[in-house]
Amino acid sequence: MTPEASLMVRVADALAASGVAYLLAGSFSSNFYGIPRSTKDADFVVELRGGVGRDFMDRLGADFEVDPQLSFETNTGTYRQLLQHTSSPFKVELFLLSNDPHDQARFQRRVAVQAYGRQIWLPTAEDVIVMKLRWARSRDQEDVRAVIGVQGENLDWPYVEGWCERHGTRALLEQIRRTVPKL
């Protein structure tokens, strides 16, 4: 397990032990369904009331610091809490579950998978694609291409296409689909 994965697992374990419902998003989720790439952060969507709880931080350990400022993320209209590992460049972003319809749907559809020697909650492959298309950065588009290439016909295309229509990302989805190599 990479040092980054070990740190991500510590956060997932601390969330679970604190009774916080979560899903692991971002690169770790696209790595699970697609072609792994390196990352220096972990993104979690969490169902919290208020900010990061004391119990969670106690379980996580003193080598993580909480940024006291919440920031606003405009793609889904949610708030984000940043955690920094003090002895490495690794960061954790805790996105508060928002009222955004897709944010709610992907959280309800999350699946428990065996990864990194434990149960981890992930979005479905379809929801990884939908969310990565909303961000639409070049690395997100590459992640989408990788997930489609690996998952292929196992994907629920009407679900993906429906959300992409709602978000205005259908043309980007089709552009990426045309360039996916057969793996």
Foldseek 3Di string as FASTA:
>chain_A
DDPLVVLVVLLQVLCVVVVKQKAKADQVQLVVQFPHDDDQETEMEIADDDDDDPSSDVSSDDQKDKDPDWDADPLQGWIWIKIQRNPDRHIYIYTYQDPRVLSVVQSVQWDWDCDPNHTHTHGDLLSNLLVLLSVPDPVSLVSNLRNCQRCPPVDPVVVSCVSCVVSVRNVVNVVSVVVRDHD
